[in-house]
């Protein structure tokens, strides 16, 4: 299966990873960074998951489809958790943008199982 089937999700994951890294860095430079520790931690987990999801989708074939689906489901779960945390700080632009990107990524990751059903 061509990784082109996953292009929208791959793009969403790459964007989300970038926004999460930016958010984590920006939060760590806030004067109340200690209060943002959970946000920073979830940003970093989410960024790592998104990058790994891209790798899984890029090498996916008929033998690994169930792994990709499960991994993308987990990625969506972490993206939603990160978005929920960032939304608590949406008065900061970087958290607001991160939350939006995480929600978009979660939606796209949840669609991955359907890609395999179409084949």
C-alpha atoms as a PDB file:
ATOM      1  CA  UNK A   1       0.000   0.000   0.000  1.00  0.00           C
ATOM      2  CA  UNK A   2       1.342   3.388  -0.961  1.00  0.00           C
ATOM      3  CA  UNK A   3       1.984   5.854   1.814  1.00  0.00           C
ATOM      4  CA  UNK A   4       0.122   8.382  -0.379  1.00  0.00           C
ATOM      5  CA  UNK A   5      -3.118   6.984   1.087  1.00  0.00           C
ATOM      6  CA  UNK A   6      -1.949   8.422   4.383  1.00  0.00           C
ATOM      7  CA  UNK A   7      -0.841  11.826   3.085  1.00  0.00           C
ATOM      8  CA  UNK A   8      -3.496  13.884   4.904  1.00  0.00           C
ATOM      9  CA  UNK A   9      -2.786  12.111   8.197  1.00  0.00           C
ATOM     10  CA  UNK A  10       0.988  12.298   7.696  1.00  0.00           C
ATOM     11  CA  UNK A  11       0.707  16.033   7.058  1.00  0.00           C
ATOM     12  CA  UNK A  12      -1.503  16.482  10.138  1.00  0.00           C
ATOM     13  CA  UNK A  13       0.952  14.490  12.280  1.00  0.00           C
ATOM     14  CA  UNK A  14       3.933  16.499  11.029  1.00  0.00           C
ATOM     15  CA  UNK A  15       2.133  19.778  11.705  1.00  0.00           C
ATOM     16  CA  UNK A  16       1.047  18.585  15.143  1.00  0.00           C
ATOM     17  CA  UNK A  17       4.571  17.484  16.083  1.00  0.00           C
ATOM     18  CA  UNK A  18       5.895  20.883  15.074  1.00  0.00           C
ATOM     19  CA  UNK A  19       3.197  22.791  16.997  1.00  0.00           C
ATOM     20  CA  UNK A  20       3.727  20.599  20.066  1.00  0.00           C
ATOM     21  CA  UNK A  21       7.484  21.196  20.053  1.00  0.00           C
ATOM     22  CA  UNK A  22       6.911  24.931  19.667  1.00  0.00           C
ATOM     23  CA  UNK A  23       4.327  24.935  22.463  1.00  0.00           C
ATOM     24  CA  UNK A  24       6.595  22.975  24.821  1.00  0.00           C
ATOM     25  CA  UNK A  25       9.468  25.368  24.195  1.00  0.00           C
ATOM     26  CA  UNK A  26       7.273  28.454  24.552  1.00  0.00           C
ATOM     27  CA  UNK A  27       5.686  27.114  27.760  1.00  0.00           C
ATOM     28  CA  UNK A  28       9.105  26.372  29.233  1.00  0.00           C
ATOM     29  CA  UNK A  29      10.023  30.038  28.752  1.00  0.00           C
ATOM     30  CA  UNK A  30       6.879  31.376  30.434  1.00  0.00           C
ATOM     31  CA  UNK A  31       7.409  32.885  33.874  1.00  0.00           C
ATOM     32  CA  UNK A  32       4.973  30.330  35.336  1.00  0.00           C
ATOM     33  CA  UNK A  33       6.613  27.410  33.513  1.00  0.00           C
ATOM     34  CA  UNK A  34       6.337  25.221  36.612  1.00  0.00           C
ATOM     35  CA  UNK A  35       2.534  25.481  36.425  1.00  0.00           C
ATOM     36  CA  UNK A  36       2.724  24.400  32.770  1.00  0.00           C
ATOM     37  CA  UNK A  37       4.711  21.216  33.463  1.00  0.00           C
ATOM     38  CA  UNK A  38       1.854  18.887  32.454  1.00  0.00           C
ATOM     39  CA  UNK A  39       1.323  20.818  29.226  1.00  0.00           C
ATOM     40  CA  UNK A  40       5.033  20.653  28.397  1.00  0.00           C
ATOM     41  CA  UNK A  41       5.181  16.928  29.126  1.00  0.00           C
ATOM     42  CA  UNK A  42       2.101  16.126  27.019  1.00  0.00           C
ATOM     43  CA  UNK A  43       3.403  18.340  24.197  1.00  0.00           C
ATOM     44  CA  UNK A  44       6.603  16.311  24.078  1.00  0.00           C
ATOM     45  CA  UNK A  45       4.832  12.940  24.252  1.00  0.00           C
ATOM     46  CA  UNK A  46       2.439  14.037  21.535  1.00  0.00           C
ATOM     47  CA  UNK A  47       5.238  15.272  19.269  1.00  0.00           C
ATOM     48  CA  UNK A  48       7.088  11.962  19.674  1.00  0.00           C
ATOM     49  CA  UNK A  49       3.934   9.946  18.969  1.00  0.00           C
ATOM     50  CA  UNK A  50       3.124  11.980  15.880  1.00  0.00           C
ATOM     51  CA  UNK A  51       6.624  11.547  14.441  1.00  0.00           C
ATOM     52  CA  UNK A  52       6.490   7.816  15.115  1.00  0.00           C
ATOM     53  CA  UNK A  53       3.025   7.563  13.560  1.00  0.00           C
ATOM     54  CA  UNK A  54       4.448   9.158  10.402  1.00  0.00           C
ATOM     55  CA  UNK A  55       7.165   6.494  10.321  1.00  0.00           C
ATOM     56  CA  UNK A  56       4.607   3.694  10.807  1.00  0.00           C
ATOM     57  CA  UNK A  57       2.370   5.029   8.025  1.00  0.00           C
ATOM     58  CA  UNK A  58       5.303   5.601   5.678  1.00  0.00           C
ATOM     59  CA  UNK A  59       6.409   1.957   5.880  1.00  0.00           C
ATOM     60  CA  UNK A  60       3.002   0.377   6.142  1.00  0.00           C
ATOM     61  CA  UNK A  61       2.000  -2.647   4.087  1.00  0.00           C
ATOM     62  CA  UNK A  62      -0.673  -5.338   4.246  1.00  0.00           C
ATOM     63  CA  UNK A  63       1.310  -7.224   6.893  1.00  0.00           C
ATOM     64  CA  UNK A  64       1.540  -4.267   9.272  1.00  0.00           C
ATOM     65  CA  UNK A  65      -1.858  -2.637   8.794  1.00  0.00           C
ATOM     66  CA  UNK A  66      -3.184  -3.697  12.201  1.00  0.00           C
ATOM     67  CA  UNK A  67      -0.131  -2.194  13.923  1.00  0.00           C
ATOM     68  CA  UNK A  68      -0.550   1.077  12.052  1.00  0.00           C
ATOM     69  CA  UNK A  69      -4.235   1.263  12.933  1.00  0.00           C
ATOM     70  CA  UNK A  70      -3.587   0.589  16.629  1.00  0.00           C
ATOM     71  CA  UNK A  71      -0.690   3.015  16.753  1.00  0.00           C
ATOM     72  CA  UNK A  72      -2.710   5.759  15.070  1.00  0.00           C
ATOM     73  CA  UNK A  73      -5.564   5.138  17.522  1.00  0.00           C
ATOM     74  CA  UNK A  74      -3.102   5.631  20.394  1.00  0.00           C
ATOM     75  CA  UNK A  75      -1.672   8.717  18.701  1.00  0.00           C
ATOM     76  CA  UNK A  76      -5.203  10.157  18.469  1.00  0.00           C
ATOM     77  CA  UNK A  77      -5.748   9.470  22.169  1.00  0.00           C
ATOM     78  CA  UNK A  78      -2.555  11.278  23.124  1.00  0.00           C
ATOM     79  CA  UNK A  79      -3.340  14.151  20.737  1.00  0.00           C
ATOM     80  CA  UNK A  80      -6.735  14.591  22.397  1.00  0.00           C
ATOM     81  CA  UNK A  81      -5.174  14.535  25.874  1.00  0.00           C
ATOM     82  CA  UNK A  82      -2.626  17.132  24.787  1.00  0.00           C
ATOM     83  CA  UNK A  83      -5.344  19.291  23.231  1.00  0.00           C
ATOM     84  CA  UNK A  84      -7.421  19.134  26.410  1.00  0.00           C
ATOM     85  CA  UNK A  85      -4.450  20.290  28.476  1.00  0.00           C
ATOM     86  CA  UNK A  86      -3.476  23.044  26.021  1.00  0.00           C
ATOM     87  CA  UNK A  87      -7.057  24.318  25.948  1.00  0.00           C
ATOM     88  CA  UNK A  88      -6.695  25.107  29.660  1.00  0.00           C
ATOM     89  CA  UNK A  89      -4.075  27.668  28.614  1.00  0.00           C
ATOM     90  CA  UNK A  90      -5.700  28.880  25.396  1.00  0.00           C
ATOM     91  CA  UNK A  91      -5.145  32.495  26.435  1.00  0.00           C
ATOM     92  CA  UNK A  92      -1.587  31.840  25.223  1.00  0.00           C
ATOM     93  CA  UNK A  93      -1.483  31.738  21.436  1.00  0.00           C
ATOM     94  CA  UNK A  94       0.989  28.849  21.281  1.00  0.00           C
ATOM     95  CA  UNK A  95      -1.266  26.654  23.437  1.00  0.00           C
ATOM     96  CA  UNK A  96      -4.322  27.617  21.395  1.00  0.00           C
ATOM     97  CA  UNK A  97      -2.612  26.730  18.106  1.00  0.00           C
ATOM     98  CA  UNK A  98      -1.245  23.513  19.573  1.00  0.00           C
ATOM     99  CA  UNK A  99      -4.686  22.425  20.778  1.00  0.00           C
ATOM    100  CA  UNK A 100      -6.181  23.080  17.338  1.00  0.00           C
ATOM    101  CA  UNK A 101      -3.426  21.118  15.627  1.00  0.00           C
ATOM    102  CA  UNK A 102      -3.781  18.232  18.088  1.00  0.00           C
ATOM    103  CA  UNK A 103      -7.554  18.010  17.521  1.00  0.00           C
ATOM    104  CA  UNK A 104      -7.066  17.995  13.737  1.00  0.00           C
ATOM    105  CA  UNK A 105      -4.414  15.296  14.016  1.00  0.00           C
ATOM    106  CA  UNK A 106      -6.616  13.155  16.262  1.00  0.00           C
ATOM    107  CA  UNK A 107      -9.434  13.327  13.717  1.00  0.00           C
ATOM    108  CA  UNK A 108      -7.117  12.245  10.901  1.00  0.00           C
ATOM    109  CA  UNK A 109      -5.504   9.467  12.958  1.00  0.00           C
ATOM    110  CA  UNK A 110      -8.937   8.084  13.823  1.00  0.00           C
ATOM    111  CA  UNK A 111      -9.647   7.738  10.088  1.00  0.00           C
ATOM    112  CA  UNK A 112      -6.683   5.430   9.439  1.00  0.00           C
ATOM    113  CA  UNK A 113      -8.547   2.180  10.114  1.00  0.00           C
ATOM    114  CA  UNK A 114     -10.924   3.079   7.288  1.00  0.00           C
ATOM    115  CA  UNK A 115      -8.010   3.399   4.860  1.00  0.00           C
ATOM    116  CA  UNK A 116      -7.241  -0.288   5.351  1.00  0.00           C
ATOM    117  CA  UNK A 117     -10.885  -1.298   5.014  1.00  0.00           C
ATOM    118  CA  UNK A 118     -10.955   0.326   1.569  1.00  0.00           C
ATOM    119  CA  UNK A 119      -8.191  -1.985   0.298  1.00  0.00           C
END
